[in-house]
Amino acid sequence: MRIAERLLQQWVELYPGLKLPVTFDSWSTQPGFCHFIDRLGMAYVGDLTDEAELVLGTGRERLDNFAQRLKQEHLIAVKQG
């Protein structure tokens, strides 16, 4: 991760006005790396496995369950107008 952090830091220094999002795979989607990118002021999209757990205000929840719940909530909201 340190190499990626160094490369992103150099990118920001070389192109301070260019605000492009960073994308990376599930192996790199780690809290420390995401916090580093956030501190640089960059947007990012990381990949997560279905088994990954999210830490929500209501507790921990697997990503696949969370996605299914959001889909159901959306469908109910659409039906209700």
PDB file of N, CA and C in Angstrom:
ATOM      1  N   MET A   1       0.809  -1.192   0.000  1.00  0.00           N
ATOM      2  CA  MET A   1       0.000   0.000   0.000  1.00  0.00           C
ATOM      3  C   MET A   1       0.854   1.258   0.000  1.00  0.00           C
ATOM      4  N   ARG A   2       2.013   1.170   0.576  1.00  0.00           N
ATOM      5  CA  ARG A   2       2.862   2.354   0.655  1.00  0.00           C
ATOM      6  C   ARG A   2       3.247   2.866  -0.723  1.00  0.00           C
ATOM      7  N   ILE A   3       3.449   1.953  -1.670  1.00  0.00           N
ATOM      8  CA  ILE A   3       3.790   2.377  -3.029  1.00  0.00           C
ATOM      9  C   ILE A   3       2.614   3.145  -3.625  1.00  0.00           C
ATOM     10  N   ALA A   4       1.406   2.617  -3.467  1.00  0.00           N
ATOM     11  CA  ALA A   4       0.209   3.284  -3.993  1.00  0.00           C
ATOM     12  C   ALA A   4       0.026   4.650  -3.336  1.00  0.00           C
ATOM     13  N   GLU A   5       0.254   4.723  -2.034  1.00  0.00           N
ATOM     14  CA  GLU A   5       0.129   6.005  -1.334  1.00  0.00           C
ATOM     15  C   GLU A   5       1.128   7.016  -1.875  1.00  0.00           C
ATOM     16  N   ARG A   6       2.347   6.570  -2.084  1.00  0.00           N
ATOM     17  CA  ARG A   6       3.390   7.465  -2.603  1.00  0.00           C
ATOM     18  C   ARG A   6       3.030   7.946  -4.012  1.00  0.00           C
ATOM     19  N   LEU A   7       2.536   7.040  -4.847  1.00  0.00           N
ATOM     20  CA  LEU A   7       2.155   7.419  -6.211  1.00  0.00           C
ATOM     21  C   LEU A   7       0.999   8.415  -6.214  1.00  0.00           C
ATOM     22  N   LEU A   8       0.016   8.191  -5.355  1.00  0.00           N
ATOM     23  CA  LEU A   8      -1.108   9.125  -5.286  1.00  0.00           C
ATOM     24  C   LEU A   8      -0.682  10.486  -4.755  1.00  0.00           C
ATOM     25  N   GLN A   9       0.212  10.485  -3.779  1.00  0.00           N
ATOM     26  CA  GLN A   9       0.729  11.746  -3.242  1.00  0.00           C
ATOM     27  C   GLN A   9       1.455  12.523  -4.345  1.00  0.00           C
ATOM     28  N   GLN A  10       2.257  11.834  -5.138  1.00  0.00           N
ATOM     29  CA  GLN A  10       2.966  12.476  -6.252  1.00  0.00           C
ATOM     30  C   GLN A  10       1.968  13.018  -7.278  1.00  0.00           C
ATOM     31  N   TRP A  11       0.927  12.255  -7.562  1.00  0.00           N
ATOM     32  CA  TRP A  11      -0.092  12.679  -8.522  1.00  0.00           C
ATOM     33  C   TRP A  11      -0.728  13.997  -8.083  1.00  0.00           C
ATOM     34  N   VAL A  12      -1.111  14.068  -6.812  1.00  0.00           N
ATOM     35  CA  VAL A  12      -1.741  15.268  -6.274  1.00  0.00           C
ATOM     36  C   VAL A  12      -0.788  16.459  -6.357  1.00  0.00           C
ATOM     37  N   GLU A  13       0.485  16.237  -6.084  1.00  0.00           N
ATOM     38  CA  GLU A  13       1.467  17.316  -6.152  1.00  0.00           C
ATOM     39  C   GLU A  13       1.711  17.772  -7.584  1.00  0.00           C
ATOM     40  N   LEU A  14       1.734  16.836  -8.534  1.00  0.00           N
ATOM     41  CA  LEU A  14       1.978  17.175  -9.935  1.00  0.00           C
ATOM     42  C   LEU A  14       0.763  17.790 -10.612  1.00  0.00           C
ATOM     43  N   TYR A  15      -0.430  17.349 -10.228  1.00  0.00           N
ATOM     44  CA  TYR A  15      -1.664  17.789 -10.887  1.00  0.00           C
ATOM     45  C   TYR A  15      -2.684  18.247  -9.846  1.00  0.00           C
ATOM     46  N   PRO A  16      -2.411  19.301  -9.125  1.00  0.00           N
ATOM     47  CA  PRO A  16      -3.285  19.710  -8.014  1.00  0.00           C
ATOM     48  C   PRO A  16      -4.702  20.099  -8.439  1.00  0.00           C
ATOM     49  N   GLY A  17      -4.897  20.550  -9.646  1.00  0.00           N
ATOM     50  CA  GLY A  17      -6.218  20.974 -10.088  1.00  0.00           C
ATOM     51  C   GLY A  17      -7.033  19.873 -10.739  1.00  0.00           C
ATOM     52  N   LEU A  18      -6.416  18.744 -10.988  1.00  0.00           N
ATOM     53  CA  LEU A  18      -7.097  17.643 -11.674  1.00  0.00           C
ATOM     54  C   LEU A  18      -7.715  16.715 -10.638  1.00  0.00           C
ATOM     55  N   LYS A  19      -9.030  16.705 -10.574  1.00  0.00           N
ATOM     56  CA  LYS A  19      -9.760  15.937  -9.552  1.00  0.00           C
ATOM     57  C   LYS A  19     -10.375  14.686 -10.172  1.00  0.00           C
ATOM     58  N   LEU A  20      -9.574  13.672 -10.374  1.00  0.00           N
ATOM     59  CA  LEU A  20     -10.056  12.406 -10.924  1.00  0.00           C
ATOM     60  C   LEU A  20     -10.265  11.401  -9.796  1.00  0.00           C
ATOM     61  N   PRO A  21     -11.289  10.547  -9.890  1.00  0.00           N
ATOM     62  CA  PRO A  21     -11.475   9.534  -8.850  1.00  0.00           C
ATOM     63  C   PRO A  21     -10.447   8.412  -8.985  1.00  0.00           C
ATOM     64  N   VAL A  22     -10.170   7.775  -7.885  1.00  0.00           N
ATOM     65  CA  VAL A  22      -9.251   6.639  -7.833  1.00  0.00           C
ATOM     66  C   VAL A  22     -10.101   5.382  -7.701  1.00  0.00           C
ATOM     67  N   THR A  23      -9.765   4.358  -8.456  1.00  0.00           N
ATOM     68  CA  THR A  23     -10.461   3.078  -8.330  1.00  0.00           C
ATOM     69  C   THR A  23      -9.458   1.993  -7.986  1.00  0.00           C
ATOM     70  N   PHE A  24      -9.917   1.003  -7.226  1.00  0.00           N
ATOM     71  CA  PHE A  24      -9.026  -0.098  -6.855  1.00  0.00           C
ATOM     72  C   PHE A  24      -9.833  -1.331  -6.490  1.00  0.00           C
ATOM     73  N   ASP A  25      -9.152  -2.464  -6.411  1.00  0.00           N
ATOM     74  CA  ASP A  25      -9.818  -3.743  -6.166  1.00  0.00           C
ATOM     75  C   ASP A  25     -10.059  -3.993  -4.680  1.00  0.00           C
ATOM     76  N   SER A  26     -10.692  -5.113  -4.373  1.00  0.00           N
ATOM     77  CA  SER A  26     -11.055  -5.422  -2.993  1.00  0.00           C
ATOM     78  C   SER A  26      -9.832  -5.615  -2.104  1.00  0.00           C
ATOM     79  N   TRP A  27      -8.721  -6.056  -2.661  1.00  0.00           N
ATOM     80  CA  TRP A  27      -7.508  -6.238  -1.863  1.00  0.00           C
ATOM     81  C   TRP A  27      -7.028  -4.902  -1.307  1.00  0.00           C
ATOM     82  N   SER A  28      -7.214  -3.841  -2.066  1.00  0.00           N
ATOM     83  CA  SER A  28      -6.759  -2.517  -1.646  1.00  0.00           C
ATOM     84  C   SER A  28      -7.816  -1.750  -0.849  1.00  0.00           C
ATOM     85  N   THR A  29      -9.027  -2.247  -0.812  1.00  0.00           N
ATOM     86  CA  THR A  29     -10.097  -1.548  -0.094  1.00  0.00           C
ATOM     87  C   THR A  29      -9.946  -1.821   1.401  1.00  0.00           C
ATOM     88  N   GLN A  30      -9.027  -1.112   1.996  1.00  0.00           N
ATOM     89  CA  GLN A  30      -8.720  -1.236   3.418  1.00  0.00           C
ATOM     90  C   GLN A  30      -8.935   0.127   4.071  1.00  0.00           C
ATOM     91  N   PRO A  31      -9.393   0.150   5.315  1.00  0.00           N
ATOM     92  CA  PRO A  31      -9.682   1.434   5.970  1.00  0.00           C
ATOM     93  C   PRO A  31      -8.520   2.428   5.924  1.00  0.00           C
ATOM     94  N   GLY A  32      -7.316   1.979   6.210  1.00  0.00           N
ATOM     95  CA  GLY A  32      -6.179   2.902   6.230  1.00  0.00           C
ATOM     96  C   GLY A  32      -5.940   3.554   4.878  1.00  0.00           C
ATOM     97  N   PHE A  33      -6.024   2.772   3.818  1.00  0.00           N
ATOM     98  CA  PHE A  33      -5.802   3.294   2.474  1.00  0.00           C
ATOM     99  C   PHE A  33      -6.926   4.257   2.079  1.00  0.00           C
ATOM    100  N   CYS A  34      -8.159   3.892   2.406  1.00  0.00           N
ATOM    101  CA  CYS A  34      -9.298   4.766   2.092  1.00  0.00           C
ATOM    102  C   CYS A  34      -9.186   6.087   2.851  1.00  0.00           C
ATOM    103  N   HIS A  35      -8.772   6.032   4.112  1.00  0.00           N
ATOM    104  CA  HIS A  35      -8.585   7.262   4.895  1.00  0.00           C
ATOM    105  C   HIS A  35      -7.475   8.128   4.295  1.00  0.00           C
ATOM    106  N   PHE A  36      -6.409   7.489   3.830  1.00  0.00           N
ATOM    107  CA  PHE A  36      -5.308   8.225   3.202  1.00  0.00           C
ATOM    108  C   PHE A  36      -5.806   8.979   1.971  1.00  0.00           C
ATOM    109  N   ILE A  37      -6.553   8.292   1.116  1.00  0.00           N
ATOM    110  CA  ILE A  37      -7.078   8.925  -0.098  1.00  0.00           C
ATOM    111  C   ILE A  37      -8.029  10.058   0.261  1.00  0.00           C
ATOM    112  N   ASP A  38      -8.829   9.843   1.275  1.00  0.00           N
ATOM    113  CA  ASP A  38      -9.757  10.875   1.730  1.00  0.00           C
ATOM    114  C   ASP A  38      -9.005  12.115   2.209  1.00  0.00           C
ATOM    115  N   ARG A  39      -7.914  11.914   2.932  1.00  0.00           N
ATOM    116  CA  ARG A  39      -7.105  13.051   3.405  1.00  0.00           C
ATOM    117  C   ARG A  39      -6.485  13.828   2.249  1.00  0.00           C
ATOM    118  N   LEU A  40      -6.251  13.135   1.128  1.00  0.00           N
ATOM    119  CA  LEU A  40      -5.735  13.820  -0.060  1.00  0.00           C
ATOM    120  C   LEU A  40      -6.824  14.634  -0.753  1.00  0.00           C
ATOM    121  N   GLY A  41      -8.071  14.426  -0.352  1.00  0.00           N
ATOM    122  CA  GLY A  41      -9.182  15.138  -0.973  1.00  0.00           C
ATOM    123  C   GLY A  41      -9.616  14.528  -2.289  1.00  0.00           C
ATOM    124  N   MET A  42      -9.301  13.260  -2.483  1.00  0.00           N
ATOM    125  CA  MET A  42      -9.646  12.582  -3.723  1.00  0.00           C
ATOM    126  C   MET A  42     -10.884  11.710  -3.525  1.00  0.00           C
ATOM    127  N   ALA A  43     -11.688  11.595  -4.559  1.00  0.00           N
ATOM    128  CA  ALA A  43     -12.805  10.656  -4.556  1.00  0.00           C
ATOM    129  C   ALA A  43     -12.260   9.277  -4.907  1.00  0.00           C
ATOM    130  N   TYR A  44     -12.923   8.240  -4.418  1.00  0.00           N
ATOM    131  CA  TYR A  44     -12.454   6.891  -4.740  1.00  0.00           C
ATOM    132  C   TYR A  44     -13.610   5.906  -4.790  1.00  0.00           C
ATOM    133  N   VAL A  45     -13.373   4.816  -5.511  1.00  0.00           N
ATOM    134  CA  VAL A  45     -14.312   3.704  -5.593  1.00  0.00           C
ATOM    135  C   VAL A  45     -13.498   2.442  -5.369  1.00  0.00           C
ATOM    136  N   GLY A  46     -13.840   1.732  -4.307  1.00  0.00           N
ATOM    137  CA  GLY A  46     -13.172   0.470  -4.012  1.00  0.00           C
ATOM    138  C   GLY A  46     -14.136  -0.680  -4.203  1.00  0.00           C
ATOM    139  N   ASP A  47     -13.615  -1.837  -4.463  1.00  0.00           N
ATOM    140  CA  ASP A  47     -14.416  -3.035  -4.671  1.00  0.00           C
ATOM    141  C   ASP A  47     -14.471  -3.811  -3.350  1.00  0.00           C
ATOM    142  N   LEU A  48     -15.622  -4.364  -3.042  1.00  0.00           N
ATOM    143  CA  LEU A  48     -15.790  -5.175  -1.844  1.00  0.00           C
ATOM    144  C   LEU A  48     -16.350  -6.534  -2.233  1.00  0.00           C
ATOM    145  N   THR A  49     -15.983  -7.562  -1.494  1.00  0.00           N
ATOM    146  CA  THR A  49     -16.568  -8.877  -1.718  1.00  0.00           C
ATOM    147  C   THR A  49     -17.933  -8.933  -1.042  1.00  0.00           C
ATOM    148  N   ASP A  50     -18.773  -9.862  -1.455  1.00  0.00           N
ATOM    149  CA  ASP A  50     -20.094 -10.006  -0.841  1.00  0.00           C
ATOM    150  C   ASP A  50     -19.998 -10.318   0.651  1.00  0.00           C
ATOM    151  N   GLU A  51     -18.928 -10.981   1.054  1.00  0.00           N
ATOM    152  CA  GLU A  51     -18.759 -11.367   2.451  1.00  0.00           C
ATOM    153  C   GLU A  51     -18.232 -10.229   3.324  1.00  0.00           C
ATOM    154  N   ALA A  52     -17.846  -9.125   2.708  1.00  0.00           N
ATOM    155  CA  ALA A  52     -17.324  -7.993   3.479  1.00  0.00           C
ATOM    156  C   ALA A  52     -18.402  -7.490   4.427  1.00  0.00           C
ATOM    157  N   GLU A  53     -17.961  -6.996   5.571  1.00  0.00           N
ATOM    158  CA  GLU A  53     -18.894  -6.464   6.552  1.00  0.00           C
ATOM    159  C   GLU A  53     -18.798  -4.947   6.609  1.00  0.00           C
ATOM    160  N   LEU A  54     -19.943  -4.312   6.671  1.00  0.00           N
ATOM    161  CA  LEU A  54     -20.022  -2.869   6.841  1.00  0.00           C
ATOM    162  C   LEU A  54     -20.268  -2.592   8.314  1.00  0.00           C
ATOM    163  N   VAL A  55     -19.718  -1.510   8.812  1.00  0.00           N
ATOM    164  CA  VAL A  55     -19.983  -1.094  10.181  1.00  0.00           C
ATOM    165  C   VAL A  55     -20.951   0.081  10.098  1.00  0.00           C
ATOM    166  N   LEU A  56     -22.186  -0.177  10.472  1.00  0.00           N
ATOM    167  CA  LEU A  56     -23.243   0.808  10.389  1.00  0.00           C
ATOM    168  C   LEU A  56     -23.608   1.301  11.788  1.00  0.00           C
ATOM    169  N   GLY A  57     -24.422   2.320  11.856  1.00  0.00           N
ATOM    170  CA  GLY A  57     -24.894   2.803  13.147  1.00  0.00           C
ATOM    171  C   GLY A  57     -25.695   1.758  13.892  1.00  0.00           C
ATOM    172  N   THR A  58     -26.284   0.837  13.147  1.00  0.00           N
ATOM    173  CA  THR A  58     -27.084  -0.229  13.747  1.00  0.00           C
ATOM    174  C   THR A  58     -26.265  -1.478  14.045  1.00  0.00           C
ATOM    175  N   GLY A  59     -24.987  -1.468  13.720  1.00  0.00           N
ATOM    176  CA  GLY A  59     -24.117  -2.626  13.953  1.00  0.00           C
ATOM    177  C   GLY A  59     -23.477  -3.104  12.663  1.00  0.00           C
ATOM    178  N   ARG A  60     -22.886  -4.279  12.723  1.00  0.00           N
ATOM    179  CA  ARG A  60     -22.230  -4.869  11.549  1.00  0.00           C
ATOM    180  C   ARG A  60     -23.242  -5.600  10.678  1.00  0.00           C
ATOM    181  N   GLU A  61     -23.018  -5.523   9.361  1.00  0.00           N
ATOM    182  CA  GLU A  61     -23.898  -6.207   8.421  1.00  0.00           C
ATOM    183  C   GLU A  61     -23.098  -6.600   7.190  1.00  0.00           C
ATOM    184  N   ARG A  62     -23.323  -7.829   6.720  1.00  0.00           N
ATOM    185  CA  ARG A  62     -22.643  -8.267   5.504  1.00  0.00           C
ATOM    186  C   ARG A  62     -23.104  -7.424   4.328  1.00  0.00           C
ATOM    187  N   LEU A  63     -22.186  -7.173   3.401  1.00  0.00           N
ATOM    188  CA  LEU A  63     -22.483  -6.327   2.249  1.00  0.00           C
ATOM    189  C   LEU A  63     -23.628  -6.880   1.415  1.00  0.00           C
ATOM    190  N   ASP A  64     -23.651  -8.191   1.174  1.00  0.00           N
ATOM    191  CA  ASP A  64     -24.722  -8.750   0.354  1.00  0.00           C
ATOM    192  C   ASP A  64     -26.087  -8.571   1.019  1.00  0.00           C
ATOM    193  N   ASN A  65     -26.160  -8.713   2.331  1.00  0.00           N
ATOM    194  CA  ASN A  65     -27.427  -8.492   3.041  1.00  0.00           C
ATOM    195  C   ASN A  65     -27.828  -7.019   2.997  1.00  0.00           C
ATOM    196  N   PHE A  66     -26.858  -6.142   3.175  1.00  0.00           N
ATOM    197  CA  PHE A  66     -27.111  -4.705   3.127  1.00  0.00           C
ATOM    198  C   PHE A  66     -27.652  -4.292   1.761  1.00  0.00           C
ATOM    199  N   ALA A  67     -27.015  -4.795   0.690  1.00  0.00           N
ATOM    200  CA  ALA A  67     -27.453  -4.457  -0.672  1.00  0.00           C
ATOM    201  C   ALA A  67     -28.875  -4.956  -0.924  1.00  0.00           C
ATOM    202  N   GLN A  68     -29.176  -6.166  -0.456  1.00  0.00           N
ATOM    203  CA  GLN A  68     -30.523  -6.711  -0.640  1.00  0.00           C
ATOM    204  C   GLN A  68     -31.551  -5.891   0.131  1.00  0.00           C
ATOM    205  N   ARG A  69     -31.215  -5.486   1.347  1.00  0.00           N
ATOM    206  CA  ARG A  69     -32.121  -4.674   2.151  1.00  0.00           C
ATOM    207  C   ARG A  69     -32.378  -3.315   1.492  1.00  0.00           C
ATOM    208  N   LEU A  70     -31.303  -2.690   0.963  1.00  0.00           N
ATOM    209  CA  LEU A  70     -31.480  -1.407   0.271  1.00  0.00           C
ATOM    210  C   LEU A  70     -32.384  -1.550  -0.945  1.00  0.00           C
ATOM    211  N   LYS A  71     -32.198  -2.636  -1.674  1.00  0.00           N
ATOM    212  CA  LYS A  71     -33.032  -2.865  -2.859  1.00  0.00           C
ATOM    213  C   LYS A  71     -34.500  -2.990  -2.459  1.00  0.00           C
ATOM    214  N   GLN A  72     -34.776  -3.746  -1.414  1.00  0.00           N
ATOM    215  CA  GLN A  72     -36.155  -3.912  -0.951  1.00  0.00           C
ATOM    216  C   GLN A  72     -36.735  -2.584  -0.477  1.00  0.00           C
ATOM    217  N   GLU A  73     -35.953  -1.812   0.272  1.00  0.00           N
ATOM    218  CA  GLU A  73     -36.426  -0.501   0.738  1.00  0.00           C
ATOM    219  C   GLU A  73     -36.728   0.421  -0.434  1.00  0.00           C
ATOM    220  N   HIS A  74     -35.901   0.349  -1.462  1.00  0.00           N
ATOM    221  CA  HIS A  74     -36.117   1.168  -2.659  1.00  0.00           C
ATOM    222  C   HIS A  74     -37.414   0.766  -3.355  1.00  0.00           C
ATOM    223  N   LEU A  75     -37.622  -0.536  -3.542  1.00  0.00           N
ATOM    224  CA  LEU A  75     -38.836  -1.006  -4.214  1.00  0.00           C
ATOM    225  C   LEU A  75     -40.094  -0.602  -3.447  1.00  0.00           C
ATOM    226  N   ILE A  76     -40.041  -0.679  -2.129  1.00  0.00           N
ATOM    227  CA  ILE A  76     -41.182  -0.255  -1.306  1.00  0.00           C
ATOM    228  C   ILE A  76     -41.425   1.249  -1.471  1.00  0.00           C
ATOM    229  N   ALA A  77     -40.357   2.033  -1.463  1.00  0.00           N
ATOM    230  CA  ALA A  77     -40.496   3.493  -1.628  1.00  0.00           C
ATOM    231  C   ALA A  77     -41.071   3.836  -2.999  1.00  0.00           C
ATOM    232  N   VAL A  78     -40.647   3.122  -4.039  1.00  0.00           N
ATOM    233  CA  VAL A  78     -41.167   3.380  -5.387  1.00  0.00           C
ATOM    234  C   VAL A  78     -42.657   3.064  -5.438  1.00  0.00           C
ATOM    235  N   LYS A  79     -43.065   1.961  -4.833  1.00  0.00           N
ATOM    236  CA  LYS A  79     -44.479   1.602  -4.811  1.00  0.00           C
ATOM    237  C   LYS A  79     -45.320   2.637  -4.070  1.00  0.00           C
ATOM    238  N   GLN A  80     -44.730   3.215  -3.028  1.00  0.00           N
ATOM    239  CA  GLN A  80     -45.440   4.204  -2.230  1.00  0.00           C
ATOM    240  C   GLN A  80     -45.424   5.590  -2.850  1.00  0.00           C
ATOM    241  N   GLY A  81     -44.649   5.721  -3.897  1.00  0.00           N
ATOM    242  CA  GLY A  81     -44.605   7.001  -4.603  1.00  0.00           C
ATOM    243  C   GLY A  81     -43.584   7.917  -4.024  1.00  0.00           C
TER     244      GLY A  81
END
